[in-house]
């Protein structure tokens, strides 16, 4: 089965940002292309956020949803609670109107499903008949992480469906199984959750907020410019706070106390990984953990809100506190008939484990023979050289994707090329062996080893630039910087700033200090082309530099 996140061939530029930021290293580098491995990927979306080239693609349900709407199907939009953060520029009722105008028959909030789930967790914790740790399961990235990478903790996952599935089940209980349920939110992992729900199709499609933006824009529907209409579900409660860390605990009336360690709220990828590592070590200790892989769903990978963290939380709380407008009521038994229990399965992939000799052999290919040779710079995307060697052994990485090794090889290659040039030619770059050319070579050979200032005279196009480079190559400064500037190409005031630099605040617009070209060429060579076109004023300023080799 294809993965939710994939790489567009040819767009990857081998920056390895996705490898660096993938929490489970579900990336395989092959022929310089970083490809996502579906069996290891937890669909958290971190690689999508950090890929500056836009090489990561997310599987889309939008064409299927559009086909349902075009065919006149009854399609219900189910909004994740974080929609009030994504659509901060409009009122909730306006988004409801926009969705209905685009063809959706009803608009519900997933918060209704979250309220049902909260009741289920309240029962679970009140029974206290579970042993060892219990990890909440609203976050599909956490579920994927456990099933694929910590399979020994699968039994610790709370046997409760997510709010998305609970809402889908409830809507189909009320409206009939033929209705199509489309979840809309900031989470990529929800797409994998919908894909893996089996025969019990509580949710038929998942769209991210950016897909919804595209969908509405195509139809020229601007949510902020339409009137408000009510949602089609019963009033929602504390389920609207699920996108916040500890929102489930609040909804289920479970008290989190800093002085107690039995009930914890964990959010963020690093904290989730540390939590699972800790649970893997300690045996059987009773804990309940409300885990969100992102730092709350208000920071989901496909959320584009401009609000800061505090504004997001304030908006979520303010929306929860709004007086209920919905007057819709359903029979009480409707929610009671919804089955909210579920089970989880191991989905781990057995990867080969290299021995010490295999690791040493891989490191030796990069001339890393001792611990001191292992720089652990992280440029390849792995934290340590040994971690990358393990990835190479497993076929997930290419050994040559080591920046220090490549830099060293390039330097050696450059040195060989420079040596070959010296051996194969005269090093001057001139064509011809006439007496005049021989005299030019002789003059260059005399002045190049000195530190004197050289004046090159000649008609335009006679090769003064080539002569300057030849002097540089044969000088004692050939390993240092060679700087060139065309003095006739810049206005006088700009040329002065380029040559001498300036300090912050020296003139209007000088927001930061800038080194001049003379300073850049320190201990090297600077070629001032077309110096004869300089004004007399600027030539005077150059006199001290040319005579004494210094300026203030």
Protein backbone atom coordinates (compact mmCIF):
# COMPACT_ATOMS: atom_id res chain seq x y z
CA UNK A 1 0.00 0.00 0.00
CA UNK A 2 1.45 3.42 -0.96
CA UNK A 3 2.38 5.72 1.89
CA UNK A 4 0.63 8.94 2.90
CA UNK A 5 3.84 10.99 2.45
CA UNK A 6 6.11 10.49 -0.57
CA UNK A 7 8.94 12.25 -2.40
CA UNK A 8 8.47 13.79 -5.85
CA UNK A 9 11.30 12.41 -7.99
CA UNK A 10 13.77 15.06 -9.09
CA UNK A 11 12.68 17.76 -6.62
CA UNK A 12 14.91 16.50 -3.80
CA UNK A 13 18.19 18.47 -3.65
CA UNK A 14 20.03 16.24 -1.13
CA UNK A 15 19.91 18.73 1.74
CA UNK A 16 18.91 15.86 4.10
CA UNK A 17 16.65 18.21 6.12
CA UNK A 18 13.96 15.51 6.12
CA UNK A 19 16.44 12.91 7.42
CA UNK A 20 17.55 15.29 10.18
CA UNK A 21 14.01 16.07 11.29
CA UNK A 22 12.32 12.68 10.85
CA UNK A 23 11.83 11.40 14.42
CA UNK A 24 11.92 7.75 13.32
CA UNK A 25 14.38 8.03 10.39
CA UNK A 26 11.81 6.67 7.93
CA UNK A 27 13.78 8.12 4.99
CA UNK A 28 15.85 6.13 2.52
CA UNK A 29 18.48 8.02 0.53
CA UNK A 30 18.95 6.42 -2.88
CA UNK A 31 20.85 8.03 -5.77
CA UNK A 32 20.75 11.32 -3.87
CA UNK A 33 16.94 11.25 -3.50
CA UNK A 34 15.42 11.09 0.00
CA UNK A 35 12.48 8.70 -0.27
CA UNK A 36 9.90 8.02 2.44
CA UNK A 37 9.53 4.40 3.60
CA UNK A 38 5.78 3.78 4.26
CA UNK A 39 6.45 0.82 6.57
CA UNK A 40 8.46 3.07 8.93
CA UNK A 41 6.73 6.42 8.39
CA UNK A 42 4.32 7.56 11.12
CA UNK A 43 2.82 10.34 8.91
CA UNK A 44 3.67 13.03 11.46
CA UNK A 45 4.40 15.53 8.66
CA UNK A 46 7.65 16.94 10.05
CA UNK A 47 9.47 16.21 6.78
CA UNK A 48 6.78 18.13 4.87
CA UNK A 49 7.27 21.19 7.06
CA UNK A 50 11.07 21.29 6.73
CA UNK A 51 11.39 20.50 2.99
CA UNK A 52 12.25 23.87 1.43
CA UNK A 53 12.14 22.39 -2.08
CA UNK A 54 8.53 21.19 -1.77
CA UNK A 55 9.67 17.68 -2.65
CA UNK A 56 7.32 15.96 -0.20
CA UNK A 57 3.83 15.11 -1.45
CA UNK A 58 0.80 14.16 0.67
CA UNK A 59 -1.79 11.68 -0.55
CA UNK A 60 -5.01 13.54 -1.35
CA UNK A 61 -8.69 12.62 -1.08
CA UNK A 62 -9.91 15.88 -2.63
CA UNK A 63 -10.72 14.45 -6.11
CA UNK A 64 -12.84 11.73 -4.47
CA UNK A 65 -14.69 14.27 -2.33
CA UNK A 66 -15.34 16.48 -5.37
CA UNK A 67 -16.70 13.44 -7.25
CA UNK A 68 -19.13 12.67 -4.40
CA UNK A 69 -20.36 16.26 -4.35
CA UNK A 70 -20.73 16.33 -8.13
CA UNK A 71 -22.75 13.09 -8.03
CA UNK A 72 -25.14 14.58 -5.49
CA UNK A 73 -24.07 12.33 -2.61
CA UNK A 74 -24.95 13.36 0.93
CA UNK A 75 -21.54 14.49 2.26
CA UNK A 76 -20.97 15.70 5.81
CA UNK A 77 -17.98 17.92 6.66
CA UNK A 78 -16.49 17.14 10.06
CA UNK A 79 -14.23 19.95 11.35
CA UNK A 80 -11.35 19.36 13.75
CA UNK A 81 -11.58 21.71 16.80
CA UNK A 82 -8.47 23.60 15.65
CA UNK A 83 -10.45 25.11 12.75
CA UNK A 84 -11.03 28.19 14.91
CA UNK A 85 -7.25 28.78 14.82
CA UNK A 86 -6.80 28.12 11.09
CA UNK A 87 -9.79 30.32 10.18
CA UNK A 88 -9.10 33.08 12.68
CA UNK A 89 -10.22 35.73 10.18
CA UNK A 90 -13.84 34.57 10.18
CA UNK A 91 -16.49 33.43 12.64
CA UNK A 92 -17.21 29.70 13.02
CA UNK A 93 -20.70 30.07 11.58
CA UNK A 94 -19.27 31.69 8.44
CA UNK A 95 -17.11 28.62 7.76
CA UNK A 96 -20.21 26.47 8.20
CA UNK A 97 -21.97 28.55 5.53
CA UNK A 98 -18.97 28.38 3.18
CA UNK A 99 -18.86 24.58 3.38
CA UNK A 100 -22.60 24.24 2.75
CA UNK A 101 -22.40 26.58 -0.25
CA UNK A 102 -19.61 24.41 -1.66
CA UNK A 103 -21.92 21.37 -1.62
CA UNK A 104 -21.66 19.74 1.82
CA UNK A 105 -25.10 18.77 3.13
CA UNK A 106 -24.17 19.17 6.80
CA UNK A 107 -21.30 20.56 8.87
CA UNK A 108 -20.33 19.02 12.21
CA UNK A 109 -17.55 19.58 14.73
CA UNK A 110 -15.32 16.64 15.71
CA UNK A 111 -15.65 18.04 19.24
CA UNK A 112 -18.94 16.09 19.45
CA UNK A 113 -16.95 12.87 18.99
CA UNK A 114 -14.38 14.11 21.50
CA UNK A 115 -17.11 14.51 24.11
CA UNK A 116 -18.14 10.88 23.54
CA UNK A 117 -14.50 9.78 23.83
CA UNK A 118 -14.06 11.78 27.05
CA UNK A 119 -16.88 9.82 28.65
CA UNK A 120 -15.23 6.57 27.57
CA UNK A 121 -11.91 7.61 29.15
CA UNK A 122 -13.71 8.66 32.32
CA UNK A 123 -15.17 5.15 32.59
CA UNK A 124 -11.79 3.57 31.79
CA UNK A 125 -9.96 5.44 34.53
CA UNK A 126 -12.71 5.04 37.10
CA UNK A 127 -12.61 1.27 36.68
CA UNK A 128 -8.85 1.24 37.25
CA UNK A 129 -8.75 -2.35 36.03
CA UNK A 130 -5.76 -1.76 33.75
CA UNK A 131 -2.23 -2.68 34.67
CA UNK A 132 0.95 -0.85 33.74
CA UNK A 133 0.95 2.25 31.51
CA UNK A 134 -2.05 3.43 29.50
CA UNK A 135 -1.46 5.80 26.56
CA UNK A 136 -4.33 7.86 25.14
CA UNK A 137 -5.12 7.29 21.46
CA UNK A 138 -6.70 10.47 19.97
CA UNK A 139 -3.37 11.26 18.23
CA UNK A 140 -2.80 8.94 15.23
CA UNK A 141 0.89 9.85 15.01
CA UNK A 142 1.40 8.50 18.54
CA UNK A 143 -0.54 5.34 17.64
CA UNK A 144 1.57 4.87 14.48
CA UNK A 145 4.74 5.46 16.50
CA UNK A 146 3.83 2.75 19.01
CA UNK A 147 2.56 0.21 16.47
CA UNK A 148 5.56 0.59 14.14
CA UNK A 149 8.49 1.43 16.43
CA UNK A 150 7.49 0.45 19.98
CA UNK A 151 5.36 -2.65 19.28
CA UNK A 152 6.04 -4.03 22.76
CA UNK A 153 3.89 -1.15 24.06
CA UNK A 154 0.86 -1.84 21.83
CA UNK A 155 -0.96 -3.35 24.81
CA UNK A 156 -0.52 -0.02 26.61
CA UNK A 157 -2.63 1.88 24.02
CA UNK A 158 -6.04 2.77 25.43
CA UNK A 159 -8.69 0.65 23.63
CA UNK A 160 -10.71 3.73 22.63
CA UNK A 161 -11.34 5.18 19.17
CA UNK A 162 -10.18 8.68 18.31
CA UNK A 163 -12.59 11.65 18.34
CA UNK A 164 -12.56 11.60 14.52
CA UNK A 165 -13.79 8.00 14.36
CA UNK A 166 -16.23 8.55 17.24
CA UNK A 167 -17.77 11.52 15.41
CA UNK A 168 -17.96 9.54 12.17
CA UNK A 169 -19.67 6.61 13.90
CA UNK A 170 -22.14 8.93 15.64
CA UNK A 171 -23.05 10.78 12.43
CA UNK A 172 -23.64 7.52 10.56
CA UNK A 173 -25.72 6.30 13.50
CA UNK A 174 -27.90 9.41 13.18
CA UNK A 175 -27.88 10.03 9.41
CA UNK A 176 -27.46 6.50 8.05
CA UNK A 177 -24.50 4.53 6.74
CA UNK A 178 -24.85 5.84 3.17
CA UNK A 179 -23.76 9.34 4.18
CA UNK A 180 -20.13 10.23 3.37
CA UNK A 181 -18.05 11.61 6.24
CA UNK A 182 -15.17 13.95 5.38
CA UNK A 183 -12.81 14.91 8.23
CA UNK A 184 -11.06 18.28 7.82
CA UNK A 185 -8.11 19.22 10.03
CA UNK A 186 -4.38 20.03 10.39
CA UNK A 187 -3.19 16.42 10.74
CA UNK A 188 -1.56 14.30 8.03
CA UNK A 189 -1.59 11.16 10.20
CA UNK A 190 -5.41 11.25 10.17
CA UNK A 191 -5.19 10.19 6.51
CA UNK A 192 -3.36 7.02 7.54
CA UNK A 193 -5.84 6.44 10.37
CA UNK A 194 -8.72 6.62 7.87
CA UNK A 195 -6.84 4.34 5.49
CA UNK A 196 -6.34 1.70 8.20
CA UNK A 197 -9.79 1.71 9.82
CA UNK A 198 -10.77 -1.55 8.11
CA UNK A 199 -14.29 -2.53 7.13
CA UNK A 200 -15.88 -0.22 9.70
CA UNK A 201 -15.78 2.94 7.55
CA UNK A 202 -16.56 5.61 10.13
CA UNK A 203 -14.76 8.25 8.04
CA UNK A 204 -14.70 8.12 4.25
CA UNK A 205 -12.09 10.80 3.46
CA UNK A 206 -9.65 13.14 5.18
CA UNK A 207 -8.76 16.63 3.94
CA UNK A 208 -6.13 18.91 5.43
CA UNK A 209 -6.79 22.60 5.98
CA UNK A 210 -4.66 23.56 2.98
CA UNK A 211 -6.74 21.22 0.77
CA UNK A 212 -9.88 22.93 2.07
CA UNK A 213 -8.37 26.35 1.30
CA UNK A 214 -7.72 25.20 -2.27
CA UNK A 215 -11.20 23.66 -2.54
CA UNK A 216 -12.97 26.87 -1.46
CA UNK A 217 -10.70 29.12 -3.53
CA UNK A 218 -11.52 27.13 -6.68
CA UNK A 219 -15.19 27.87 -6.06
CA UNK A 220 -14.47 31.52 -5.20
CA UNK A 221 -16.03 31.14 -1.76
CA UNK A 222 -14.55 33.44 0.89
CA UNK A 223 -15.64 32.34 4.39
CA UNK A 224 -15.09 35.83 5.83
CA UNK A 225 -17.58 37.30 3.33
CA UNK A 226 -20.60 35.05 3.90
CA UNK A 227 -23.27 35.17 6.64
CA UNK A 228 -23.30 32.75 9.58
CA UNK A 229 -25.31 29.54 9.86
CA UNK A 230 -25.47 27.06 12.71
CA UNK A 231 -23.68 23.73 12.72
CA UNK A 232 -25.82 20.61 12.41
CA UNK A 233 -24.80 18.79 15.57
CA UNK A 234 -25.87 18.94 19.21
CA UNK A 235 -23.99 21.46 21.39
CA UNK A 236 -20.34 20.50 21.90
CA UNK A 237 -18.58 20.70 25.25
CA UNK A 238 -15.03 20.34 26.53
CA UNK A 239 -14.18 18.24 23.47
CA UNK A 240 -13.39 21.56 21.78
CA UNK A 241 -10.23 21.72 23.94
CA UNK A 242 -8.70 18.46 22.67
CA UNK A 243 -6.15 20.30 20.46
CA UNK A 244 -4.52 21.67 23.63
CA UNK A 245 -2.09 19.65 25.71
CA UNK A 246 -4.12 18.06 28.53
CA UNK A 247 -7.40 18.76 26.70
CA UNK A 248 -8.46 15.11 26.98
CA UNK A 249 -7.78 15.14 30.72
CA UNK A 250 -9.92 18.26 31.10
CA UNK A 251 -12.72 16.77 29.00
CA UNK A 252 -12.72 13.53 30.97
CA UNK A 253 -12.58 15.40 34.30
CA UNK A 254 -9.23 13.81 35.14
CA UNK A 255 -7.08 15.93 37.42
CA UNK A 256 -3.43 16.35 36.47
CA UNK A 257 -1.36 17.29 39.53
CA UNK A 258 2.32 18.26 39.47
CA UNK A 259 2.71 16.37 42.75
CA UNK A 260 1.31 13.20 41.21
CA UNK A 261 3.08 11.18 38.51
CA UNK A 262 0.34 8.67 37.72
CA UNK A 263 -1.45 11.02 35.29
CA UNK A 264 0.63 12.99 32.82
CA UNK A 265 0.14 15.16 29.73
CA UNK A 266 2.94 14.85 27.14
CA UNK A 267 3.18 16.91 23.94
CA UNK A 268 5.84 17.38 21.27
CA UNK A 269 7.78 14.80 19.29
CA UNK A 270 10.87 14.80 21.52
CA UNK A 271 8.83 14.45 24.70
CA UNK A 272 6.75 11.63 23.17
CA UNK A 273 9.89 9.74 22.15
CA UNK A 274 11.41 10.20 25.60
CA UNK A 275 8.16 9.05 27.19
CA UNK A 276 8.07 5.83 25.14
CA UNK A 277 11.74 5.17 25.85
CA UNK A 278 11.07 5.58 29.57
CA UNK A 279 8.03 3.27 29.43
CA UNK A 280 10.18 0.69 27.64
CA UNK A 281 12.59 0.64 30.57
CA UNK A 282 10.27 0.71 33.55
CA UNK A 283 8.16 -2.39 34.00
CA UNK A 284 4.49 -2.42 34.89
CA UNK A 285 4.19 0.94 36.67
CA UNK A 286 0.64 2.24 36.47
CA UNK A 287 0.44 5.52 34.55
CA UNK A 288 -2.08 7.28 32.33
CA UNK A 289 -0.50 9.49 29.65
CA UNK A 290 -2.38 11.95 27.44
CA UNK A 291 0.03 12.18 24.48
CA UNK A 292 0.02 14.55 21.49
CA UNK A 293 2.87 14.19 18.99
CA UNK A 294 2.73 17.81 17.89
CA UNK A 295 2.85 20.51 20.54
CA UNK A 296 -0.92 20.34 20.59
CA UNK A 297 -3.05 20.05 17.44
CA UNK A 298 -2.96 23.85 17.31
CA UNK A 299 0.55 23.33 15.89
CA UNK A 300 -0.34 20.56 13.43
CA UNK A 301 1.80 20.23 10.29
CA UNK A 302 -0.88 21.52 7.90
CA UNK A 303 -1.97 24.48 10.02
CA UNK A 304 -1.00 27.82 8.48
CA UNK A 305 -2.32 30.22 11.11
CA UNK A 306 -0.33 33.41 11.71
CA UNK A 307 -1.31 33.44 15.41
CA UNK A 308 1.32 32.85 18.08
CA UNK A 309 1.08 30.12 20.72
CA UNK A 310 -0.73 32.26 23.29
CA UNK A 311 -3.21 33.62 20.77
CA UNK A 312 -4.01 30.11 19.56
CA UNK A 313 -4.74 28.87 23.08
CA UNK A 314 -6.78 31.96 23.91
CA UNK A 315 -8.88 31.50 20.77
CA UNK A 316 -9.53 27.82 21.55
CA UNK A 317 -10.64 28.64 25.10
CA UNK A 318 -12.73 31.63 23.98
CA UNK A 319 -14.59 29.46 21.45
CA UNK A 320 -15.32 26.82 24.09
CA UNK A 321 -16.78 29.51 26.36
CA UNK A 322 -19.14 30.87 23.68
CA UNK A 323 -22.80 30.21 24.55
CA UNK A 324 -24.17 27.28 22.54
CA UNK A 325 -26.11 28.33 19.43
CA UNK A 326 -27.02 24.87 18.18
CA UNK A 327 -30.56 23.79 18.93
CA UNK A 328 -30.25 20.37 17.25
CA UNK A 329 -31.11 17.46 19.51
CA UNK A 330 -30.86 13.71 18.88
CA UNK A 331 -32.31 10.86 20.93
CA UNK A 332 -30.09 9.99 23.90
CA UNK A 333 -29.78 6.39 22.79
CA UNK A 334 -28.08 7.51 19.53
CA UNK A 335 -24.77 8.16 21.28
CA UNK A 336 -25.11 5.13 23.54
CA UNK A 337 -25.35 2.81 20.54
CA UNK A 338 -22.02 4.02 19.15
CA UNK A 339 -19.24 1.47 19.69
CA UNK A 340 -16.20 3.38 20.90
CA UNK A 341 -13.84 0.51 21.67
CA UNK A 342 -11.08 -0.65 19.36
CA UNK A 343 -7.90 -2.73 19.31
CA UNK A 344 -4.41 -2.12 17.98
CA UNK A 345 -1.89 -4.34 16.19
CA UNK A 346 1.86 -4.55 15.84
CA UNK A 347 3.12 -3.16 12.55
CA UNK A 348 6.85 -3.25 13.20
CA UNK A 349 9.40 -3.96 10.49
CA UNK A 350 12.35 -6.18 11.34
CA UNK A 351 15.51 -4.34 10.33
CA UNK A 352 18.91 -6.08 10.30
CA UNK A 353 21.26 -5.22 13.16
CA UNK A 354 24.94 -4.80 12.20
CA UNK A 355 27.75 -6.19 14.31
CA UNK A 356 30.70 -4.11 15.48
CA UNK A 357 32.91 -5.32 12.62
CA UNK A 358 30.32 -4.31 10.02
CA UNK A 359 30.07 -0.82 11.52
CA UNK A 360 33.87 -0.43 11.57
CA UNK A 361 34.07 -1.49 7.93
CA UNK A 362 31.49 1.10 6.87
CA UNK A 363 33.25 3.83 8.85
CA UNK A 364 36.62 2.83 7.40
CA UNK A 365 35.32 3.53 3.88
CA UNK A 366 35.15 7.18 4.98
CA UNK A 367 38.62 7.07 6.55
CA UNK A 368 37.15 6.95 10.07
CA UNK A 369 39.30 4.56 12.05
CA UNK A 370 39.19 5.98 15.58
CA UNK A 371 36.53 7.70 17.76
CA UNK A 372 38.36 10.99 17.11
CA UNK A 373 37.67 10.58 13.38
CA UNK A 374 33.92 10.44 14.06
CA UNK A 375 32.96 14.12 14.02
CA UNK A 376 29.23 13.50 14.67
CA UNK A 377 28.44 16.78 12.86
CA UNK A 378 24.91 15.71 11.90
CA UNK A 379 25.16 17.11 8.35
CA UNK A 380 24.07 13.75 6.91
CA UNK A 381 20.86 13.86 8.97
CA UNK A 382 21.96 11.37 11.62
CA UNK A 383 23.06 12.34 15.12
CA UNK A 384 26.26 10.30 15.08
CA UNK A 385 28.54 8.67 12.54
CA UNK A 386 27.75 5.26 14.02
CA UNK A 387 24.01 5.86 13.71
CA UNK A 388 24.52 6.66 10.03
CA UNK A 389 26.69 3.55 9.63
CA UNK A 390 23.78 1.46 10.98
CA UNK A 391 21.47 3.16 8.43
CA UNK A 392 23.96 2.35 5.65
CA UNK A 393 24.03 -1.30 6.75
CA UNK A 394 20.22 -1.38 6.62
CA UNK A 395 20.16 0.15 3.14
CA UNK A 396 18.57 3.41 4.33
CA UNK A 397 21.51 5.71 3.63
CA UNK A 398 24.42 6.08 1.23
CA UNK A 399 27.83 6.01 2.85
CA UNK A 400 29.17 8.91 0.76
CA UNK A 401 26.53 11.35 2.15
CA UNK A 402 29.13 12.52 4.69
CA UNK A 403 29.88 16.25 4.38
CA UNK A 404 33.38 16.30 6.01
CA UNK A 405 34.41 13.34 3.84
CA UNK A 406 33.07 15.01 0.66
CA UNK A 407 34.77 18.32 1.51
CA UNK A 408 38.07 16.54 2.05
CA UNK A 409 37.70 14.63 -1.23
CA UNK A 410 36.89 17.86 -3.09
CA UNK A 411 39.92 19.60 -1.60
CA UNK A 412 42.15 16.69 -2.64
CA UNK A 413 40.61 16.68 -6.12
CA UNK A 414 41.05 20.45 -6.44
CA UNK A 415 44.69 20.13 -5.38
CA UNK A 416 45.31 17.44 -8.01
CA UNK A 417 43.69 19.59 -10.72
CA UNK A 418 45.79 22.61 -9.76
CA UNK A 419 48.90 20.45 -9.86
CA UNK A 420 47.96 19.10 -13.30
CA UNK A 421 47.46 22.65 -14.59
CA UNK A 422 50.91 23.62 -13.40
CA UNK A 423 52.43 20.55 -15.04
CA UNK A 424 50.54 20.82 -18.34
CA UNK A 425 50.79 24.57 -19.02
CA UNK A 426 52.88 27.59 -18.26
CA UNK A 427 50.33 28.75 -15.68
CA UNK A 428 49.89 32.14 -17.36
CA UNK A 429 46.74 31.42 -19.33
CA UNK A 430 48.10 33.13 -22.48
CA UNK A 431 48.00 31.78 -26.01
CA UNK A 432 50.98 32.52 -28.22
CA UNK A 433 54.77 32.55 -27.99
CA UNK A 434 55.73 35.72 -29.83
CA UNK A 435 58.53 37.95 -28.49
CA UNK A 436 55.91 40.36 -27.11
CA UNK A 437 54.14 37.55 -25.21
CA UNK A 438 57.47 36.24 -23.92
CA UNK A 439 58.23 39.72 -22.59
CA UNK A 440 54.84 39.86 -20.80
CA UNK A 441 55.55 36.45 -19.17
CA UNK A 442 59.00 37.66 -18.13
CA UNK A 443 57.58 40.81 -16.52
CA UNK A 444 54.92 38.79 -14.65
CA UNK A 445 57.55 36.34 -13.40
CA UNK A 446 59.56 39.29 -12.01
CA UNK A 447 56.75 41.17 -10.24
CA UNK A 448 54.59 38.24 -9.06
CA UNK A 449 56.82 37.13 -6.14
CA UNK A 450 56.94 40.71 -4.79
CA UNK A 451 54.38 42.60 -2.67
CA UNK A 452 54.50 45.71 -4.83
CA UNK A 453 51.49 47.39 -6.44
CA UNK A 454 51.33 46.65 -10.19
CA UNK A 455 49.84 48.98 -12.82
CA UNK A 456 48.49 47.13 -15.88
CA UNK A 457 48.13 49.30 -18.97
CA UNK A 458 46.62 48.37 -22.32
CA UNK A 459 43.72 48.91 -24.65
CA UNK A 460 40.33 47.48 -23.77
CA UNK A 461 40.19 43.77 -24.61
CA UNK A 462 43.95 43.15 -24.57
CA UNK A 463 43.77 40.86 -21.52
CA UNK A 464 44.55 42.97 -18.46
CA UNK A 465 42.25 40.73 -16.40
CA UNK A 466 44.18 37.62 -17.57
CA UNK A 467 47.47 39.31 -16.67
CA UNK A 468 46.12 40.17 -13.18
CA UNK A 469 45.09 36.54 -12.61
CA UNK A 470 48.48 35.31 -13.88
CA UNK A 471 50.28 37.60 -11.39
CA UNK A 472 48.00 36.29 -8.61
CA UNK A 473 48.63 32.63 -9.49
CA UNK A 474 52.41 33.09 -9.49
CA UNK A 475 52.50 35.23 -6.37
CA UNK A 476 53.16 34.19 -2.79
CA UNK A 477 49.50 34.97 -2.11
CA UNK A 478 48.07 32.42 -4.56
CA UNK A 479 46.43 30.43 -1.77
CA UNK A 480 44.61 33.52 -0.45
CA UNK A 481 41.65 35.52 -1.76
CA UNK A 482 41.54 37.10 -5.23
CA UNK A 483 39.05 39.99 -5.38
CA UNK A 484 38.16 41.91 -8.54
CA UNK A 485 35.95 44.96 -9.10
CA UNK A 486 35.14 47.07 -12.16
CA UNK A 487 35.57 50.64 -10.95
CA UNK A 488 33.75 52.11 -13.95
CA UNK A 489 30.60 50.06 -13.32
CA UNK A 490 29.60 51.70 -10.01
CA UNK A 491 28.70 55.26 -8.97
CA UNK A 492 31.40 57.01 -6.92
CA UNK A 493 29.58 56.94 -3.55
CA UNK A 494 28.65 53.25 -3.93
CA UNK A 495 32.18 52.33 -5.11
CA UNK A 496 33.68 53.99 -2.03
CA UNK A 497 31.39 51.93 0.24
CA UNK A 498 32.28 48.75 -1.66
CA UNK A 499 36.02 49.39 -1.40
CA UNK A 500 36.29 50.64 2.18
CA UNK A 501 33.11 49.28 3.79
CA UNK A 502 31.13 51.08 6.47
CA UNK A 503 29.88 50.70 10.03
CA UNK A 504 26.28 50.44 11.16
CA UNK A 505 24.60 53.84 11.24
CA UNK A 506 27.23 55.56 9.08
CA UNK A 507 24.48 56.82 6.78
CA UNK A 508 20.75 56.40 6.21
CA UNK A 509 20.03 52.79 5.34
CA UNK A 510 23.24 51.39 6.90
CA UNK A 511 21.36 48.95 9.16
CA UNK A 512 24.44 46.77 9.65
CA UNK A 513 28.20 47.00 9.23
CA UNK A 514 29.80 45.84 5.95
CA UNK A 515 33.38 44.80 5.26
CA UNK A 516 34.99 46.52 2.29
CA UNK A 517 36.74 44.73 -0.56
CA UNK A 518 40.15 45.85 0.68
CA UNK A 519 39.43 44.12 3.97
CA UNK A 520 38.06 41.07 2.14
CA UNK A 521 41.31 40.89 0.14
CA UNK A 522 43.52 41.12 3.25
CA UNK A 523 46.65 38.96 2.69
CA UNK A 524 45.38 38.26 -0.81
CA UNK A 525 45.16 40.20 -4.08
CA UNK A 526 42.72 42.85 -5.28
CA UNK A 527 42.37 43.84 -8.96
CA UNK A 528 40.93 47.32 -9.56
CA UNK A 529 39.77 47.20 -13.18
CA UNK A 530 39.34 50.48 -15.13
CA UNK A 531 40.93 52.50 -12.31
CA UNK A 532 41.63 55.30 -14.74
CA UNK A 533 37.91 56.12 -14.83
CA UNK A 534 37.84 57.01 -11.13
CA UNK A 535 37.23 60.63 -10.11
CA UNK A 536 40.27 62.56 -8.86
CA UNK A 537 38.64 62.76 -5.42
CA UNK A 538 38.41 58.99 -5.06
CA UNK A 539 41.86 58.46 -6.57
CA UNK A 540 43.22 60.64 -3.76
CA UNK A 541 41.54 58.45 -1.17
CA UNK A 542 43.12 55.40 -2.80
CA UNK A 543 46.62 56.90 -2.59
CA UNK A 544 47.21 55.95 1.06
CA UNK A 545 46.09 52.37 0.41
CA UNK A 546 48.30 52.00 -2.66
CA UNK A 547 51.35 53.58 -1.03
CA UNK A 548 51.15 52.11 2.48
CA UNK A 549 48.78 49.17 2.13
CA UNK A 550 46.48 50.38 4.93
CA UNK A 551 43.37 52.50 5.49
CA UNK A 552 41.26 53.73 8.40
